[in-house]
Structures are given as structure tokens and as C-alpha cells.
Amino acid sequence: MRTSSYTQETMVIENPSKSLVMLMNKLRDRKMAQLKELKEKKDFYFPKNKQ
């Protein structure tokens, strides 16, 4: 089994700046929008079979 080169632990920042919080919220919103778009594309190209 190969070990990964990255850490899977959550990084915690105490007392983050307002701009950092705004950046993280913006990135989270963009990620959710992209996931929604990909799920819609998947449903269009690979519809669920109705039996």
C-alpha cells in the first residue's frame, strides 16, 4: 500500500482575519456551484433508468 504525500488532518486557524473568512466562504460557494453543475450534467448525459 502506498502512503499519500499530503496530510488529511484539518487545519485550524485561530482568530482568522475577516478577509480570510470571506475568501474561504467565496471558495466554498464556488465549489458548491461547480458540484451542482456537474451533477446536473451527469443527470443529463447519464439519466437514471426507470424500471
PDB file of N, CA and C in Angstrom:
ATOM      1  N   MET A   1       0.838  -1.181   0.000  1.00  0.00           N
ATOM      2  CA  MET A   1       0.000   0.000   0.000  1.00  0.00           C
ATOM      3  C   MET A   1       0.879   1.239   0.000  1.00  0.00           C
ATOM      4  N   ARG A   2       0.557   2.169  -0.858  1.00  0.00           N
ATOM      5  CA  ARG A   2       1.346   3.385  -0.984  1.00  0.00           C
ATOM      6  C   ARG A   2       0.829   4.474  -0.046  1.00  0.00           C
ATOM      7  N   THR A   3       1.719   5.161   0.615  1.00  0.00           N
ATOM      8  CA  THR A   3       1.296   6.238   1.507  1.00  0.00           C
ATOM      9  C   THR A   3       1.123   7.519   0.708  1.00  0.00           C
ATOM     10  N   SER A   4       0.207   8.340   1.143  1.00  0.00           N
ATOM     11  CA  SER A   4      -0.044   9.597   0.439  1.00  0.00           C
ATOM     12  C   SER A   4       0.963  10.659   0.877  1.00  0.00           C
ATOM     13  N   SER A   5       1.191  11.616   0.002  1.00  0.00           N
ATOM     14  CA  SER A   5       2.171  12.658   0.285  1.00  0.00           C
ATOM     15  C   SER A   5       1.529  13.899   0.906  1.00  0.00           C
ATOM     16  N   TYR A   6       0.240  13.864   1.124  1.00  0.00           N
ATOM     17  CA  TYR A   6      -0.422  15.019   1.707  1.00  0.00           C
ATOM     18  C   TYR A   6      -1.064  14.619   3.031  1.00  0.00           C
ATOM     19  N   THR A   7      -1.379  15.611   3.823  1.00  0.00           N
ATOM     20  CA  THR A   7      -1.981  15.346   5.122  1.00  0.00           C
ATOM     21  C   THR A   7      -3.495  15.394   5.000  1.00  0.00           C
ATOM     22  N   GLN A   8      -4.168  14.601   5.765  1.00  0.00           N
ATOM     23  CA  GLN A   8      -5.619  14.591   5.743  1.00  0.00           C
ATOM     24  C   GLN A   8      -6.191  15.193   7.016  1.00  0.00           C
ATOM     25  N   GLU A   9      -5.341  15.810   7.800  1.00  0.00           N
ATOM     26  CA  GLU A   9      -5.801  16.437   9.030  1.00  0.00           C
ATOM     27  C   GLU A   9      -6.343  17.831   8.723  1.00  0.00           C
ATOM     28  N   THR A  10      -7.335  18.234   9.483  1.00  0.00           N
ATOM     29  CA  THR A  10      -7.940  19.542   9.302  1.00  0.00           C
ATOM     30  C   THR A  10      -7.044  20.618   9.891  1.00  0.00           C
ATOM     31  N   MET A  11      -6.808  21.667   9.112  1.00  0.00           N
ATOM     32  CA  MET A  11      -6.001  22.776   9.601  1.00  0.00           C
ATOM     33  C   MET A  11      -6.923  23.779  10.289  1.00  0.00           C
ATOM     34  N   VAL A  12      -6.602  24.146  11.495  1.00  0.00           N
ATOM     35  CA  VAL A  12      -7.416  25.081  12.262  1.00  0.00           C
ATOM     36  C   VAL A  12      -6.638  26.369  12.435  1.00  0.00           C
ATOM     37  N   ILE A  13      -7.280  27.477  12.052  1.00  0.00           N
ATOM     38  CA  ILE A  13      -6.653  28.788  12.210  1.00  0.00           C
ATOM     39  C   ILE A  13      -7.414  29.529  13.303  1.00  0.00           C
ATOM     40  N   GLU A  14      -6.712  29.863  14.354  1.00  0.00           N
ATOM     41  CA  GLU A  14      -7.344  30.613  15.433  1.00  0.00           C
ATOM     42  C   GLU A  14      -7.328  32.096  15.081  1.00  0.00           C
ATOM     43  N   ASN A  15      -8.428  32.756  15.332  1.00  0.00           N
ATOM     44  CA  ASN A  15      -8.586  34.194  15.066  1.00  0.00           C
ATOM     45  C   ASN A  15      -8.253  34.548  13.612  1.00  0.00           C
ATOM     46  N   PRO A  16      -8.984  33.982  12.646  1.00  0.00           N
ATOM     47  CA  PRO A  16      -8.708  34.311  11.236  1.00  0.00           C
ATOM     48  C   PRO A  16      -9.136  35.744  10.923  1.00  0.00           C
ATOM     49  N   SER A  17      -8.489  36.329   9.958  1.00  0.00           N
ATOM     50  CA  SER A  17      -8.853  37.688   9.565  1.00  0.00           C
ATOM     51  C   SER A  17     -10.162  37.655   8.790  1.00  0.00           C
ATOM     52  N   LYS A  18     -10.818  38.792   8.723  1.00  0.00           N
ATOM     53  CA  LYS A  18     -12.105  38.891   8.031  1.00  0.00           C
ATOM     54  C   LYS A  18     -11.942  38.571   6.546  1.00  0.00           C
ATOM     55  N   SER A  19     -10.844  39.016   5.947  1.00  0.00           N
ATOM     56  CA  SER A  19     -10.628  38.758   4.522  1.00  0.00           C
ATOM     57  C   SER A  19     -10.408  37.270   4.253  1.00  0.00           C
ATOM     58  N   LEU A  20      -9.750  36.570   5.182  1.00  0.00           N
ATOM     59  CA  LEU A  20      -9.551  35.134   5.022  1.00  0.00           C
ATOM     60  C   LEU A  20     -10.884  34.393   5.110  1.00  0.00           C
ATOM     61  N   VAL A  21     -11.730  34.783   6.036  1.00  0.00           N
ATOM     62  CA  VAL A  21     -13.048  34.166   6.173  1.00  0.00           C
ATOM     63  C   VAL A  21     -13.869  34.409   4.915  1.00  0.00           C
ATOM     64  N   MET A  22     -13.814  35.632   4.379  1.00  0.00           N
ATOM     65  CA  MET A  22     -14.547  35.956   3.158  1.00  0.00           C
ATOM     66  C   MET A  22     -14.035  35.132   1.984  1.00  0.00           C
ATOM     67  N   LEU A  23     -12.719  34.952   1.891  1.00  0.00           N
ATOM     68  CA  LEU A  23     -12.136  34.145   0.823  1.00  0.00           C
ATOM     69  C   LEU A  23     -12.598  32.698   0.929  1.00  0.00           C
ATOM     70  N   MET A  24     -12.567  32.133   2.116  1.00  0.00           N
ATOM     71  CA  MET A  24     -12.992  30.749   2.298  1.00  0.00           C
ATOM     72  C   MET A  24     -14.469  30.570   1.963  1.00  0.00           C
ATOM     73  N   ASN A  25     -15.297  31.532   2.346  1.00  0.00           N
ATOM     74  CA  ASN A  25     -16.723  31.459   2.003  1.00  0.00           C
ATOM     75  C   ASN A  25     -16.929  31.536   0.499  1.00  0.00           C
ATOM     76  N   LYS A  26     -16.168  32.394  -0.166  1.00  0.00           N
ATOM     77  CA  LYS A  26     -16.272  32.529  -1.616  1.00  0.00           C
ATOM     78  C   LYS A  26     -15.843  31.230  -2.310  1.00  0.00           C
ATOM     79  N   LEU A  27     -14.752  30.624  -1.842  1.00  0.00           N
ATOM     80  CA  LEU A  27     -14.295  29.360  -2.417  1.00  0.00           C
ATOM     81  C   LEU A  27     -15.302  28.236  -2.178  1.00  0.00           C
ATOM     82  N   ARG A  28     -15.905  28.207  -0.999  1.00  0.00           N
ATOM     83  CA  ARG A  28     -16.905  27.188  -0.686  1.00  0.00           C
ATOM     84  C   ARG A  28     -18.130  27.342  -1.590  1.00  0.00           C
ATOM     85  N   ASP A  29     -18.567  28.589  -1.790  1.00  0.00           N
ATOM     86  CA  ASP A  29     -19.709  28.841  -2.668  1.00  0.00           C
ATOM     87  C   ASP A  29     -19.412  28.405  -4.100  1.00  0.00           C
ATOM     88  N   ARG A  30     -18.204  28.702  -4.572  1.00  0.00           N
ATOM     89  CA  ARG A  30     -17.816  28.319  -5.931  1.00  0.00           C
ATOM     90  C   ARG A  30     -17.759  26.798  -6.071  1.00  0.00           C
ATOM     91  N   LYS A  31     -17.238  26.135  -5.061  1.00  0.00           N
ATOM     92  CA  LYS A  31     -17.164  24.670  -5.070  1.00  0.00           C
ATOM     93  C   LYS A  31     -18.561  24.063  -5.131  1.00  0.00           C
ATOM     94  N   MET A  32     -19.480  24.573  -4.322  1.00  0.00           N
ATOM     95  CA  MET A  32     -20.841  24.039  -4.309  1.00  0.00           C
ATOM     96  C   MET A  32     -21.538  24.278  -5.651  1.00  0.00           C
ATOM     97  N   ALA A  33     -21.300  25.444  -6.258  1.00  0.00           N
ATOM     98  CA  ALA A  33     -21.898  25.738  -7.558  1.00  0.00           C
ATOM     99  C   ALA A  33     -21.353  24.791  -8.629  1.00  0.00           C
ATOM    100  N   GLN A  34     -20.068  24.511  -8.592  1.00  0.00           N
ATOM    101  CA  GLN A  34     -19.468  23.601  -9.570  1.00  0.00           C
ATOM    102  C   GLN A  34     -19.973  22.175  -9.368  1.00  0.00           C
ATOM    103  N   LEU A  35     -20.124  21.735  -8.117  1.00  0.00           N
ATOM    104  CA  LEU A  35     -20.656  20.399  -7.852  1.00  0.00           C
ATOM    105  C   LEU A  35     -22.088  20.278  -8.364  1.00  0.00           C
ATOM    106  N   LYS A  36     -22.876  21.313  -8.146  1.00  0.00           N
ATOM    107  CA  LYS A  36     -24.264  21.306  -8.625  1.00  0.00           C
ATOM    108  C   LYS A  36     -24.297  21.216 -10.150  1.00  0.00           C
ATOM    109  N   GLU A  37     -23.443  21.988 -10.808  1.00  0.00           N
ATOM    110  CA  GLU A  37     -23.385  21.973 -12.270  1.00  0.00           C
ATOM    111  C   GLU A  37     -22.969  20.595 -12.786  1.00  0.00           C
ATOM    112  N   LEU A  38     -21.976  19.989 -12.153  1.00  0.00           N
ATOM    113  CA  LEU A  38     -21.530  18.663 -12.574  1.00  0.00           C
ATOM    114  C   LEU A  38     -22.611  17.603 -12.366  1.00  0.00           C
ATOM    115  N   LYS A  39     -23.345  17.688 -11.267  1.00  0.00           N
ATOM    116  CA  LYS A  39     -24.422  16.729 -11.020  1.00  0.00           C
ATOM    117  C   LYS A  39     -25.526  16.876 -12.058  1.00  0.00           C
ATOM    118  N   GLU A  40     -25.828  18.123 -12.445  1.00  0.00           N
ATOM    119  CA  GLU A  40     -26.842  18.348 -13.469  1.00  0.00           C
ATOM    120  C   GLU A  40     -26.387  17.791 -14.813  1.00  0.00           C
ATOM    121  N   LYS A  41     -25.121  17.980 -15.150  1.00  0.00           N
ATOM    122  CA  LYS A  41     -24.588  17.420 -16.396  1.00  0.00           C
ATOM    123  C   LYS A  41     -24.647  15.907 -16.377  1.00  0.00           C
ATOM    124  N   LYS A  42     -24.288  15.316 -15.236  1.00  0.00           N
ATOM    125  CA  LYS A  42     -24.306  13.857 -15.117  1.00  0.00           C
ATOM    126  C   LYS A  42     -25.727  13.330 -15.318  1.00  0.00           C
ATOM    127  N   ASP A  43     -26.705  13.992 -14.696  1.00  0.00           N
ATOM    128  CA  ASP A  43     -28.087  13.559 -14.834  1.00  0.00           C
ATOM    129  C   ASP A  43     -28.577  13.709 -16.271  1.00  0.00           C
ATOM    130  N   PHE A  44     -28.068  14.702 -17.000  1.00  0.00           N
ATOM    131  CA  PHE A  44     -28.475  14.911 -18.386  1.00  0.00           C
ATOM    132  C   PHE A  44     -27.866  13.837 -19.285  1.00  0.00           C
ATOM    133  N   TYR A  45     -26.581  13.592 -19.139  1.00  0.00           N
ATOM    134  CA  TYR A  45     -25.883  12.645 -20.020  1.00  0.00           C
ATOM    135  C   TYR A  45     -26.076  11.183 -19.608  1.00  0.00           C
ATOM    136  N   PHE A  46     -26.310  10.954 -18.329  1.00  0.00           N
ATOM    137  CA  PHE A  46     -26.497   9.595 -17.817  1.00  0.00           C
ATOM    138  C   PHE A  46     -27.771   9.534 -16.996  1.00  0.00           C
ATOM    139  N   PRO A  47     -28.918   9.602 -17.662  1.00  0.00           N
ATOM    140  CA  PRO A  47     -30.186   9.596 -16.895  1.00  0.00           C
ATOM    141  C   PRO A  47     -30.388   8.259 -16.181  1.00  0.00           C
ATOM    142  N   LYS A  48     -31.093   8.333 -15.083  1.00  0.00           N
ATOM    143  CA  LYS A  48     -31.380   7.117 -14.332  1.00  0.00           C
ATOM    144  C   LYS A  48     -32.424   6.317 -15.105  1.00  0.00           C
ATOM    145  N   ASN A  49     -32.215   5.016 -15.163  1.00  0.00           N
ATOM    146  CA  ASN A  49     -33.160   4.141 -15.859  1.00  0.00           C
ATOM    147  C   ASN A  49     -34.405   3.964 -15.013  1.00  0.00           C
ATOM    148  N   LYS A  50     -35.553   4.168 -15.638  1.00  0.00           N
ATOM    149  CA  LYS A  50     -36.822   3.946 -14.931  1.00  0.00           C
ATOM    150  C   LYS A  50     -37.280   2.533 -15.242  1.00  0.00           C
ATOM    151  N   GLN A  51     -37.501   1.748 -14.197  1.00  0.00           N
ATOM    152  CA  GLN A  51     -37.914   0.356 -14.404  1.00  0.00           C
ATOM    153  C   GLN A  51     -39.292   0.129 -13.883  1.00  0.00           C
TER     154      GLN A  51
END
